[in-house]
Amino acid sequence: MKKYFPIVIASVLVGIYLVLSLVVFPPLYLSKEIPNP
């Protein structure tokens, strides 16, 4: 189990990042107003 520990941590962090990028970040980007040039 010890040698798989870094792989498990990395995959969990990647999973969290994917969930955040799909669920949390799009509303944040959409809520910002686009400045007119």
Protein backbone atom coordinates (compact mmCIF):
# COMPACT_ATOMS: atom_id res chain seq x y z
CA MET A 1 0.00 0.00 0.00
CA LYS A 2 2.87 2.38 0.72
CA LYS A 3 4.18 2.48 -2.83
CA TYR A 4 0.73 3.30 -4.22
CA PHE A 5 0.21 6.17 -1.76
CA PRO A 6 1.55 9.01 -4.01
CA ILE A 7 -0.51 7.69 -6.93
CA VAL A 8 -3.66 7.68 -4.80
CA ILE A 9 -3.02 11.22 -3.58
CA ALA A 10 -2.32 12.47 -7.11
CA SER A 11 -5.45 10.87 -8.54
CA VAL A 12 -7.60 12.30 -5.74
CA LEU A 13 -6.18 15.78 -6.35
CA VAL A 14 -6.79 15.46 -10.09
CA GLY A 15 -10.36 14.31 -9.42
CA ILE A 16 -11.00 17.27 -7.13
CA TYR A 17 -9.55 19.62 -9.75
CA LEU A 18 -11.78 18.18 -12.47
CA VAL A 19 -14.89 18.50 -10.30
CA LEU A 20 -13.99 22.09 -9.44
CA SER A 21 -13.29 22.99 -13.05
CA LEU A 22 -16.61 21.52 -14.20
CA VAL A 23 -18.87 22.65 -11.35
CA VAL A 24 -17.42 25.70 -9.60
CA PHE A 25 -15.44 27.69 -12.14
CA PRO A 26 -17.92 28.10 -15.06
CA PRO A 27 -20.45 30.13 -13.01
CA LEU A 28 -17.60 32.30 -11.73
CA TYR A 29 -16.44 33.03 -15.28
CA LEU A 30 -19.97 33.57 -16.54
CA SER A 31 -20.80 35.99 -13.73
CA LYS A 32 -17.98 38.36 -14.72
CA GLU A 33 -18.96 41.04 -17.17
CA ILE A 34 -17.00 41.20 -20.39
CA PRO A 35 -15.46 44.67 -20.79
CA ASN A 36 -16.15 46.44 -24.06
CA PRO A 37 -13.01 47.28 -26.05
